[in-house]
Amino acid sequence: MKRIKRCGLGVITLGLCGFTAALSKPPLSQAQLFNQAAPRPGPAIGRTATAFNLETLDGTSIKLDSFRGKPLIINFFASWCDPCREEMPLINELASAGATHGFSVLGIAVEDSRAAMTEYRREAKLIFPIALDLNNTVKRAYRIFGPPATFFIDAQGIIRDMVLGPITRERAIEALTSA
């Protein structure tokens, strides 16, 4: 009986200690409360594409908003990525067709350096603008775990399709019709 009383007393003591510790914590600041809010939802078909402002290889600033009014294909890629290299002729072909069919193509280089991307652009004869995501903020916003990934965005900035991984010609055509 004495053992049970001591155990019960110990549990109550632990509970009171936890309660007291919780009360002694300072209240959360507005910034801490804001940071504890639910994370922003990732990209999804039907959602507005996440805005960004990046620098291109040419050193100019490029924003998602600058493409408003016509469909946009965003391709996340890297110079060292073999699947990216394999799909790059198709992406270049899409960029060429975009000029006559009223859509744009933007490459976003992830996990890559300016020097490596400049060399790859020359080597692969890429004809579309390439933005550098040097600190991976856009990659994280679009929830890209690794390249390649392609997003099809309509003229109003809504994601109409996305392909995480390599894209085929058939899949690109299918996605373009929805954008």
N, C-alpha and C. Protein backbone atom coordinates (compact mmCIF):
# COMPACT_ATOMS: atom_id res chain seq x y z
N MET A 1 0.82 -1.19 0.00
CA MET A 1 0.00 0.00 0.00
C MET A 1 0.87 1.26 0.00
N LYS A 2 1.96 1.21 0.79
CA LYS A 2 2.86 2.36 0.85
C LYS A 2 3.47 2.62 -0.52
N ARG A 3 3.80 1.51 -1.24
CA ARG A 3 4.38 1.64 -2.57
C ARG A 3 3.43 2.35 -3.52
N ILE A 4 2.18 1.97 -3.51
CA ILE A 4 1.17 2.56 -4.39
C ILE A 4 1.04 4.05 -4.10
N LYS A 5 1.01 4.40 -2.80
CA LYS A 5 0.89 5.81 -2.44
C LYS A 5 2.10 6.60 -2.93
N ARG A 6 3.32 6.01 -2.76
CA ARG A 6 4.53 6.70 -3.22
C ARG A 6 4.51 6.87 -4.74
N CYS A 7 4.09 5.82 -5.47
CA CYS A 7 4.00 5.90 -6.94
C CYS A 7 3.00 6.97 -7.36
N GLY A 8 1.86 6.96 -6.73
CA GLY A 8 0.84 7.95 -7.04
C GLY A 8 1.31 9.36 -6.76
N LEU A 9 2.02 9.53 -5.65
CA LEU A 9 2.56 10.83 -5.29
C LEU A 9 3.61 11.27 -6.31
N GLY A 10 4.42 10.31 -6.78
CA GLY A 10 5.45 10.61 -7.78
C GLY A 10 4.84 11.07 -9.09
N VAL A 11 3.78 10.43 -9.53
CA VAL A 11 3.10 10.80 -10.76
C VAL A 11 2.51 12.20 -10.65
N ILE A 12 1.90 12.49 -9.52
CA ILE A 12 1.31 13.82 -9.30
C ILE A 12 2.40 14.87 -9.29
N THR A 13 3.52 14.57 -8.65
CA THR A 13 4.64 15.51 -8.59
C THR A 13 5.17 15.80 -9.99
N LEU A 14 5.36 14.75 -10.81
CA LEU A 14 5.83 14.94 -12.18
C LEU A 14 4.85 15.78 -12.99
N GLY A 15 3.58 15.51 -12.81
CA GLY A 15 2.56 16.27 -13.53
C GLY A 15 2.58 17.74 -13.16
N LEU A 16 2.72 18.03 -11.88
CA LEU A 16 2.79 19.41 -11.42
C LEU A 16 4.04 20.10 -11.93
N CYS A 17 5.16 19.37 -11.97
CA CYS A 17 6.41 19.96 -12.49
C CYS A 17 6.24 20.35 -13.95
N GLY A 18 5.62 19.47 -14.74
CA GLY A 18 5.40 19.77 -16.16
C GLY A 18 4.48 20.97 -16.33
N PHE A 19 3.43 21.03 -15.53
CA PHE A 19 2.47 22.13 -15.59
C PHE A 19 3.15 23.45 -15.22
N THR A 20 3.97 23.41 -14.16
CA THR A 20 4.69 24.60 -13.71
C THR A 20 5.67 25.06 -14.78
N ALA A 21 6.37 24.12 -15.40
CA ALA A 21 7.33 24.47 -16.46
C ALA A 21 6.62 25.14 -17.63
N ALA A 22 5.45 24.62 -17.97
CA ALA A 22 4.69 25.21 -19.09
C ALA A 22 4.26 26.63 -18.76
N LEU A 23 3.88 26.87 -17.51
CA LEU A 23 3.46 28.21 -17.11
C LEU A 23 4.62 29.19 -17.05
N SER A 24 5.81 28.68 -16.78
CA SER A 24 6.96 29.57 -16.62
C SER A 24 7.58 29.98 -17.96
N LYS A 25 7.15 29.40 -19.08
CA LYS A 25 7.68 29.78 -20.39
C LYS A 25 7.14 31.16 -20.76
N PRO A 26 7.98 31.99 -21.38
CA PRO A 26 7.48 33.30 -21.79
C PRO A 26 6.47 33.14 -22.92
N PRO A 27 5.54 34.06 -23.04
CA PRO A 27 4.55 33.96 -24.12
C PRO A 27 5.24 34.10 -25.48
N LEU A 28 4.64 33.51 -26.50
CA LEU A 28 5.19 33.58 -27.86
C LEU A 28 4.99 34.97 -28.43
N SER A 29 6.00 35.43 -29.16
CA SER A 29 5.88 36.73 -29.84
C SER A 29 5.05 36.56 -31.10
N GLN A 30 4.68 37.69 -31.72
CA GLN A 30 3.92 37.65 -32.97
C GLN A 30 4.68 36.87 -34.04
N ALA A 31 6.01 37.09 -34.13
CA ALA A 31 6.83 36.41 -35.14
C ALA A 31 6.82 34.91 -34.90
N GLN A 32 6.92 34.48 -33.64
CA GLN A 32 6.90 33.07 -33.34
C GLN A 32 5.54 32.46 -33.67
N LEU A 33 4.49 33.19 -33.37
CA LEU A 33 3.16 32.70 -33.71
C LEU A 33 3.00 32.57 -35.21
N PHE A 34 3.51 33.55 -35.96
CA PHE A 34 3.41 33.53 -37.41
C PHE A 34 4.18 32.33 -37.98
N ASN A 35 5.37 32.07 -37.44
CA ASN A 35 6.19 30.98 -37.94
C ASN A 35 5.60 29.62 -37.61
N GLN A 36 4.69 29.54 -36.65
CA GLN A 36 4.08 28.27 -36.30
C GLN A 36 2.81 28.01 -37.11
N ALA A 37 2.44 28.96 -37.96
CA ALA A 37 1.26 28.76 -38.79
C ALA A 37 1.50 27.58 -39.73
N ALA A 38 0.45 27.05 -40.25
CA ALA A 38 0.56 25.92 -41.17
C ALA A 38 1.40 26.33 -42.37
N PRO A 39 2.25 25.42 -42.85
CA PRO A 39 3.07 25.75 -44.01
C PRO A 39 2.21 26.03 -45.23
N ARG A 40 2.73 26.89 -46.10
CA ARG A 40 1.98 27.20 -47.31
C ARG A 40 1.86 25.93 -48.15
N PRO A 41 0.72 25.76 -48.79
CA PRO A 41 0.55 24.56 -49.61
C PRO A 41 1.51 24.60 -50.80
N GLY A 42 1.95 23.45 -51.20
CA GLY A 42 2.85 23.35 -52.34
C GLY A 42 2.10 23.55 -53.64
N PRO A 43 2.82 23.52 -54.72
CA PRO A 43 2.18 23.71 -56.02
C PRO A 43 1.24 22.55 -56.33
N ALA A 44 0.15 22.86 -56.96
CA ALA A 44 -0.81 21.84 -57.36
C ALA A 44 -1.59 22.34 -58.57
N ILE A 45 -2.07 21.43 -59.34
CA ILE A 45 -2.87 21.78 -60.50
C ILE A 45 -4.11 22.54 -60.01
N GLY A 46 -4.35 23.70 -60.63
CA GLY A 46 -5.46 24.55 -60.24
C GLY A 46 -5.09 25.67 -59.28
N ARG A 47 -3.89 25.62 -58.71
CA ARG A 47 -3.43 26.68 -57.81
C ARG A 47 -2.61 27.71 -58.57
N THR A 48 -2.56 28.90 -58.01
CA THR A 48 -1.72 29.95 -58.58
C THR A 48 -0.26 29.58 -58.40
N ALA A 49 0.52 29.77 -59.45
CA ALA A 49 1.95 29.50 -59.39
C ALA A 49 2.61 30.47 -58.40
N THR A 50 3.57 29.98 -57.66
CA THR A 50 4.27 30.79 -56.67
C THR A 50 5.15 31.82 -57.37
N ALA A 51 4.98 33.07 -56.98
CA ALA A 51 5.76 34.16 -57.57
C ALA A 51 7.23 34.04 -57.21
N PHE A 52 8.08 34.55 -58.09
CA PHE A 52 9.51 34.57 -57.82
C PHE A 52 10.15 35.74 -58.54
N ASN A 53 11.34 36.06 -58.12
CA ASN A 53 12.16 37.08 -58.76
C ASN A 53 13.59 36.56 -58.75
N LEU A 54 14.10 36.19 -59.91
CA LEU A 54 15.44 35.62 -60.02
C LEU A 54 16.28 36.42 -61.00
N GLU A 55 17.55 36.12 -61.03
CA GLU A 55 18.45 36.74 -61.99
C GLU A 55 18.75 35.73 -63.09
N THR A 56 18.77 36.20 -64.32
CA THR A 56 19.08 35.32 -65.44
C THR A 56 20.59 35.20 -65.62
N LEU A 57 21.00 34.30 -66.49
CA LEU A 57 22.42 34.17 -66.82
C LEU A 57 22.97 35.47 -67.38
N ASP A 58 22.11 36.23 -68.06
CA ASP A 58 22.52 37.50 -68.65
C ASP A 58 22.58 38.63 -67.62
N GLY A 59 22.18 38.34 -66.37
CA GLY A 59 22.25 39.34 -65.31
C GLY A 59 21.02 40.20 -65.14
N THR A 60 19.96 39.91 -65.88
CA THR A 60 18.73 40.69 -65.74
C THR A 60 17.79 40.01 -64.75
N SER A 61 16.93 40.80 -64.15
CA SER A 61 15.95 40.29 -63.21
C SER A 61 14.76 39.72 -64.00
N ILE A 62 14.25 38.60 -63.54
CA ILE A 62 13.09 37.99 -64.21
C ILE A 62 12.10 37.55 -63.14
N LYS A 63 10.82 37.91 -63.36
CA LYS A 63 9.75 37.59 -62.42
C LYS A 63 8.71 36.73 -63.11
N LEU A 64 8.01 35.94 -62.32
CA LEU A 64 6.90 35.15 -62.87
C LEU A 64 5.87 36.08 -63.49
N ASP A 65 5.59 37.21 -62.83
CA ASP A 65 4.59 38.16 -63.32
C ASP A 65 4.90 38.70 -64.71
N SER A 66 6.17 38.71 -65.11
CA SER A 66 6.51 39.24 -66.43
C SER A 66 6.00 38.35 -67.56
N PHE A 67 5.54 37.14 -67.23
CA PHE A 67 5.01 36.23 -68.24
C PHE A 67 3.48 36.22 -68.28
N ARG A 68 2.84 37.02 -67.40
CA ARG A 68 1.37 37.07 -67.38
C ARG A 68 0.84 37.43 -68.75
N GLY A 69 -0.26 36.81 -69.10
CA GLY A 69 -0.91 37.12 -70.37
C GLY A 69 -0.69 36.07 -71.44
N LYS A 70 0.27 35.18 -71.22
CA LYS A 70 0.44 34.05 -72.14
C LYS A 70 0.96 32.84 -71.37
N PRO A 71 0.66 31.66 -71.84
CA PRO A 71 1.09 30.45 -71.13
C PRO A 71 2.61 30.38 -70.99
N LEU A 72 3.05 29.68 -69.95
CA LEU A 72 4.47 29.56 -69.64
C LEU A 72 4.80 28.13 -69.25
N ILE A 73 5.91 27.65 -69.77
CA ILE A 73 6.47 26.37 -69.35
C ILE A 73 7.71 26.70 -68.53
N ILE A 74 7.74 26.23 -67.29
CA ILE A 74 8.93 26.38 -66.45
C ILE A 74 9.57 25.01 -66.32
N ASN A 75 10.84 24.94 -66.67
CA ASN A 75 11.59 23.69 -66.55
C ASN A 75 12.72 23.88 -65.55
N PHE A 76 12.65 23.14 -64.44
CA PHE A 76 13.72 23.14 -63.45
C PHE A 76 14.74 22.10 -63.89
N PHE A 77 16.00 22.49 -64.02
CA PHE A 77 17.01 21.56 -64.51
C PHE A 77 18.38 21.92 -63.96
N ALA A 78 19.37 21.06 -64.24
CA ALA A 78 20.75 21.30 -63.84
C ALA A 78 21.67 20.76 -64.93
N SER A 79 22.83 21.37 -65.07
CA SER A 79 23.77 20.97 -66.12
C SER A 79 24.34 19.57 -65.87
N TRP A 80 24.41 19.14 -64.64
CA TRP A 80 24.98 17.84 -64.29
C TRP A 80 23.96 16.71 -64.30
N CYS A 81 22.71 17.02 -64.54
CA CYS A 81 21.59 16.06 -64.45
C CYS A 81 21.41 15.35 -65.80
N ASP A 82 21.66 14.05 -65.83
CA ASP A 82 21.54 13.29 -67.09
C ASP A 82 20.12 13.30 -67.66
N PRO A 83 19.06 13.05 -66.85
CA PRO A 83 17.71 13.12 -67.41
C PRO A 83 17.39 14.52 -67.97
N CYS A 84 17.93 15.56 -67.32
CA CYS A 84 17.73 16.94 -67.82
C CYS A 84 18.38 17.09 -69.19
N ARG A 85 19.58 16.59 -69.33
CA ARG A 85 20.30 16.67 -70.60
C ARG A 85 19.54 15.92 -71.71
N GLU A 86 18.95 14.78 -71.33
CA GLU A 86 18.21 13.99 -72.32
C GLU A 86 16.95 14.71 -72.79
N GLU A 87 16.27 15.44 -71.90
CA GLU A 87 15.04 16.12 -72.30
C GLU A 87 15.29 17.51 -72.87
N MET A 88 16.50 18.03 -72.78
CA MET A 88 16.77 19.40 -73.20
C MET A 88 16.51 19.67 -74.68
N PRO A 89 16.78 18.75 -75.60
CA PRO A 89 16.39 19.03 -76.99
C PRO A 89 14.88 19.27 -77.13
N LEU A 90 14.08 18.53 -76.39
CA LEU A 90 12.62 18.73 -76.40
C LEU A 90 12.26 20.10 -75.83
N ILE A 91 12.87 20.49 -74.72
CA ILE A 91 12.59 21.79 -74.11
C ILE A 91 12.98 22.91 -75.08
N ASN A 92 14.11 22.75 -75.75
CA ASN A 92 14.56 23.74 -76.73
C ASN A 92 13.57 23.81 -77.91
N GLU A 93 13.08 22.66 -78.31
CA GLU A 93 12.08 22.59 -79.40
C GLU A 93 10.78 23.29 -78.98
N LEU A 94 10.37 23.08 -77.75
CA LEU A 94 9.17 23.76 -77.23
C LEU A 94 9.39 25.28 -77.23
N ALA A 95 10.57 25.71 -76.82
CA ALA A 95 10.87 27.15 -76.80
C ALA A 95 10.80 27.73 -78.20
N SER A 96 11.27 26.99 -79.17
CA SER A 96 11.22 27.44 -80.57
C SER A 96 9.78 27.54 -81.05
N ALA A 97 8.98 26.53 -80.72
CA ALA A 97 7.56 26.52 -81.13
C ALA A 97 6.77 27.60 -80.39
N GLY A 98 7.18 27.92 -79.17
CA GLY A 98 6.47 28.90 -78.37
C GLY A 98 6.40 30.27 -79.01
N ALA A 99 7.44 30.63 -79.74
CA ALA A 99 7.46 31.93 -80.40
C ALA A 99 6.32 32.07 -81.41
N THR A 100 6.00 30.98 -82.10
CA THR A 100 4.92 31.05 -83.10
C THR A 100 3.56 30.68 -82.53
N HIS A 101 3.53 29.96 -81.42
CA HIS A 101 2.25 29.51 -80.86
C HIS A 101 1.81 30.28 -79.61
N GLY A 102 2.54 31.31 -79.24
CA GLY A 102 2.09 32.20 -78.18
C GLY A 102 2.34 31.76 -76.75
N PHE A 103 3.36 30.96 -76.50
CA PHE A 103 3.72 30.63 -75.13
C PHE A 103 5.22 30.82 -74.95
N SER A 104 5.64 30.86 -73.69
CA SER A 104 7.06 31.07 -73.37
C SER A 104 7.61 29.87 -72.62
N VAL A 105 8.93 29.75 -72.65
CA VAL A 105 9.64 28.72 -71.89
C VAL A 105 10.68 29.43 -71.04
N LEU A 106 10.76 29.04 -69.78
CA LEU A 106 11.77 29.56 -68.87
C LEU A 106 12.46 28.39 -68.20
N GLY A 107 13.76 28.36 -68.26
CA GLY A 107 14.53 27.37 -67.53
C GLY A 107 14.96 27.96 -66.20
N ILE A 108 14.84 27.17 -65.15
CA ILE A 108 15.34 27.59 -63.84
C ILE A 108 16.41 26.59 -63.43
N ALA A 109 17.64 27.08 -63.36
CA ALA A 109 18.78 26.24 -62.99
C ALA A 109 18.82 26.08 -61.48
N VAL A 110 18.82 24.84 -61.02
CA VAL A 110 18.87 24.54 -59.59
C VAL A 110 20.12 23.72 -59.30
N GLU A 111 20.64 23.91 -58.09
CA GLU A 111 21.80 23.15 -57.64
C GLU A 111 22.95 23.24 -58.63
N ASP A 112 23.17 24.41 -59.18
CA ASP A 112 24.17 24.59 -60.21
C ASP A 112 24.84 25.95 -60.05
N SER A 113 25.99 26.11 -60.67
CA SER A 113 26.71 27.39 -60.60
C SER A 113 26.48 28.17 -61.89
N ARG A 114 26.72 29.46 -61.81
CA ARG A 114 26.60 30.32 -62.99
C ARG A 114 27.56 29.86 -64.09
N ALA A 115 28.80 29.54 -63.72
CA ALA A 115 29.81 29.13 -64.70
C ALA A 115 29.41 27.84 -65.40
N ALA A 116 28.98 26.84 -64.63
CA ALA A 116 28.59 25.55 -65.22
C ALA A 116 27.38 25.73 -66.13
N MET A 117 26.43 26.55 -65.70
CA MET A 117 25.22 26.75 -66.50
C MET A 117 25.52 27.54 -67.76
N THR A 118 26.41 28.51 -67.68
CA THR A 118 26.80 29.29 -68.87
C THR A 118 27.44 28.37 -69.90
N GLU A 119 28.31 27.49 -69.44
CA GLU A 119 28.97 26.53 -70.35
C GLU A 119 27.95 25.58 -70.95
N TYR A 120 27.04 25.07 -70.12
CA TYR A 120 26.03 24.13 -70.62
C TYR A 120 25.10 24.81 -71.63
N ARG A 121 24.73 26.05 -71.37
CA ARG A 121 23.87 26.78 -72.30
C ARG A 121 24.51 26.88 -73.68
N ARG A 122 25.81 27.18 -73.69
CA ARG A 122 26.55 27.29 -74.95
C ARG A 122 26.64 25.91 -75.63
N GLU A 123 27.00 24.91 -74.86
CA GLU A 123 27.17 23.54 -75.37
C GLU A 123 25.86 22.99 -75.96
N ALA A 124 24.74 23.18 -75.25
CA ALA A 124 23.45 22.63 -75.68
C ALA A 124 22.69 23.57 -76.61
N LYS A 125 23.25 24.77 -76.86
CA LYS A 125 22.62 25.77 -77.73
C LYS A 125 21.18 26.08 -77.29
N LEU A 126 21.04 26.35 -76.01
CA LEU A 126 19.71 26.63 -75.45
C LEU A 126 19.25 28.02 -75.89
N ILE A 127 17.99 28.11 -76.31
CA ILE A 127 17.47 29.36 -76.88
C ILE A 127 16.48 30.08 -75.96
N PHE A 128 16.21 29.55 -74.80
CA PHE A 128 15.24 30.15 -73.88
C PHE A 128 15.99 30.79 -72.71
N PRO A 129 15.34 31.75 -72.03
CA PRO A 129 16.01 32.38 -70.88
C PRO A 129 16.21 31.38 -69.74
N ILE A 130 17.32 31.55 -69.05
CA ILE A 130 17.64 30.67 -67.92
C ILE A 130 17.85 31.55 -66.68
N ALA A 131 17.06 31.25 -65.66
CA ALA A 131 17.18 31.96 -64.38
C ALA A 131 17.96 31.08 -63.41
N LEU A 132 18.72 31.73 -62.54
CA LEU A 132 19.54 31.00 -61.57
C LEU A 132 18.88 31.03 -60.20
N ASP A 133 18.60 29.86 -59.67
CA ASP A 133 18.05 29.73 -58.32
C ASP A 133 19.19 29.32 -57.40
N LEU A 134 20.13 30.24 -57.18
CA LEU A 134 21.37 29.93 -56.48
C LEU A 134 21.18 29.53 -55.03
N ASN A 135 20.16 30.04 -54.37
CA ASN A 135 19.93 29.67 -52.96
C ASN A 135 18.75 28.70 -52.80
N ASN A 136 18.25 28.17 -53.91
CA ASN A 136 17.19 27.15 -53.93
C ASN A 136 15.86 27.59 -53.33
N THR A 137 15.58 28.88 -53.27
CA THR A 137 14.30 29.32 -52.71
C THR A 137 13.13 28.95 -53.61
N VAL A 138 13.30 29.08 -54.91
CA VAL A 138 12.21 28.75 -55.83
C VAL A 138 12.04 27.23 -55.89
N LYS A 139 13.14 26.52 -55.89
CA LYS A 139 13.09 25.05 -55.88
C LYS A 139 12.29 24.57 -54.67
N ARG A 140 12.55 25.16 -53.50
CA ARG A 140 11.81 24.78 -52.29
C ARG A 140 10.35 25.20 -52.38
N ALA A 141 10.08 26.38 -52.90
CA ALA A 141 8.70 26.86 -53.01
C ALA A 141 7.87 25.96 -53.92
N TYR A 142 8.50 25.43 -54.95
CA TYR A 142 7.81 24.54 -55.89
C TYR A 142 7.93 23.07 -55.48
N ARG A 143 8.55 22.84 -54.33
CA ARG A 143 8.69 21.50 -53.76
C ARG A 143 9.38 20.53 -54.74
N ILE A 144 10.48 21.01 -55.31
CA ILE A 144 11.27 20.19 -56.22
C ILE A 144 12.35 19.50 -55.38
N PHE A 145 12.37 18.18 -55.40
CA PHE A 145 13.39 17.46 -54.64
C PHE A 145 14.66 17.29 -55.46
N GLY A 146 14.52 17.27 -56.75
CA GLY A 146 15.66 17.16 -57.66
C GLY A 146 15.17 17.35 -59.07
N PRO A 147 16.04 17.85 -59.93
CA PRO A 147 15.63 18.06 -61.33
C PRO A 147 15.57 16.73 -62.07
N PRO A 148 14.86 16.68 -63.18
CA PRO A 148 14.06 17.74 -63.80
C PRO A 148 12.63 17.77 -63.28
N ALA A 149 12.00 18.90 -63.48
CA ALA A 149 10.58 19.09 -63.17
C ALA A 149 10.06 20.18 -64.10
N THR A 150 8.87 19.99 -64.63
CA THR A 150 8.31 20.94 -65.59
C THR A 150 6.89 21.32 -65.18
N PHE A 151 6.63 22.62 -65.18
CA PHE A 151 5.31 23.16 -64.81
C PHE A 151 4.72 23.88 -66.01
N PHE A 152 3.44 23.67 -66.25
CA PHE A 152 2.71 24.31 -67.34
C PHE A 152 1.71 25.28 -66.70
N ILE A 153 1.93 26.56 -66.94
CA ILE A 153 1.16 27.61 -66.29
C ILE A 153 0.37 28.37 -67.34
N ASP A 154 -0.91 28.62 -67.08
CA ASP A 154 -1.73 29.31 -68.07
C ASP A 154 -1.49 30.82 -68.04
N ALA A 155 -2.18 31.54 -68.91
CA ALA A 155 -1.98 32.98 -69.06
C ALA A 155 -2.35 33.77 -67.80
N GLN A 156 -3.17 33.19 -66.92
CA GLN A 156 -3.57 33.86 -65.68
C GLN A 156 -2.67 33.48 -64.51
N GLY A 157 -1.66 32.65 -64.74
CA GLY A 157 -0.74 32.27 -63.68
C GLY A 157 -1.16 31.06 -62.87
N ILE A 158 -2.08 30.26 -63.41
CA ILE A 158 -2.57 29.06 -62.72
C ILE A 158 -1.82 27.83 -63.26
N ILE A 159 -1.37 26.97 -62.36
CA ILE A 159 -0.70 25.74 -62.77
C ILE A 159 -1.74 24.81 -63.38
N ARG A 160 -1.53 24.43 -64.62
CA ARG A 160 -2.48 23.55 -65.31
C ARG A 160 -1.99 22.12 -65.41
N ASP A 161 -0.68 21.93 -65.29
CA ASP A 161 -0.12 20.58 -65.31
C ASP A 161 1.30 20.66 -64.78
N MET A 162 1.80 19.54 -64.31
CA MET A 162 3.19 19.48 -63.87
C MET A 162 3.70 18.06 -64.01
N VAL A 163 4.99 17.98 -64.33
CA VAL A 163 5.65 16.69 -64.49
C VAL A 163 6.89 16.72 -63.62
N LEU A 164 6.90 15.88 -62.59
CA LEU A 164 8.06 15.78 -61.72
C LEU A 164 8.89 14.60 -62.21
N GLY A 165 10.02 14.90 -62.81
CA GLY A 165 10.85 13.89 -63.46
C GLY A 165 10.93 14.20 -64.94
N PRO A 166 11.58 13.33 -65.69
CA PRO A 166 11.74 13.57 -67.14
C PRO A 166 10.40 13.66 -67.86
N ILE A 167 10.36 14.47 -68.88
CA ILE A 167 9.13 14.65 -69.67
C ILE A 167 9.33 14.08 -71.07
N THR A 168 8.27 13.52 -71.61
CA THR A 168 8.31 13.01 -72.98
C THR A 168 7.58 13.98 -73.89
N ARG A 169 7.79 13.83 -75.18
CA ARG A 169 7.13 14.67 -76.17
C ARG A 169 5.61 14.57 -76.05
N GLU A 170 5.10 13.35 -75.91
CA GLU A 170 3.66 13.13 -75.80
C GLU A 170 3.09 13.82 -74.57
N ARG A 171 3.80 13.69 -73.45
CA ARG A 171 3.34 14.30 -72.20
C ARG A 171 3.38 15.82 -72.30
N ALA A 172 4.40 16.36 -72.96
CA ALA A 172 4.51 17.81 -73.14
C ALA A 172 3.35 18.34 -73.98
N ILE A 173 3.00 17.65 -75.06
CA ILE A 173 1.89 18.07 -75.91
C ILE A 173 0.59 18.02 -75.15
N GLU A 174 0.39 16.95 -74.39
CA GLU A 174 -0.82 16.82 -73.57
C GLU A 174 -0.92 17.98 -72.56
N ALA A 175 0.18 18.28 -71.91
CA ALA A 175 0.21 19.35 -70.90
C ALA A 175 -0.01 20.73 -71.54
N LEU A 176 0.54 20.94 -72.71
CA LEU A 176 0.39 22.23 -73.39
C LEU A 176 -1.07 22.50 -73.74
N THR A 177 -1.81 21.48 -74.07
CA THR A 177 -3.23 21.69 -74.43
C THR A 177 -4.03 22.15 -73.22
N SER A 178 -3.60 21.76 -72.02
CA SER A 178 -4.33 22.18 -70.81
C SER A 178 -3.92 23.58 -70.36
N ALA A 179 -2.77 24.05 -70.82
CA ALA A 179 -2.31 25.40 -70.42
C ALA A 179 -2.79 26.41 -71.44
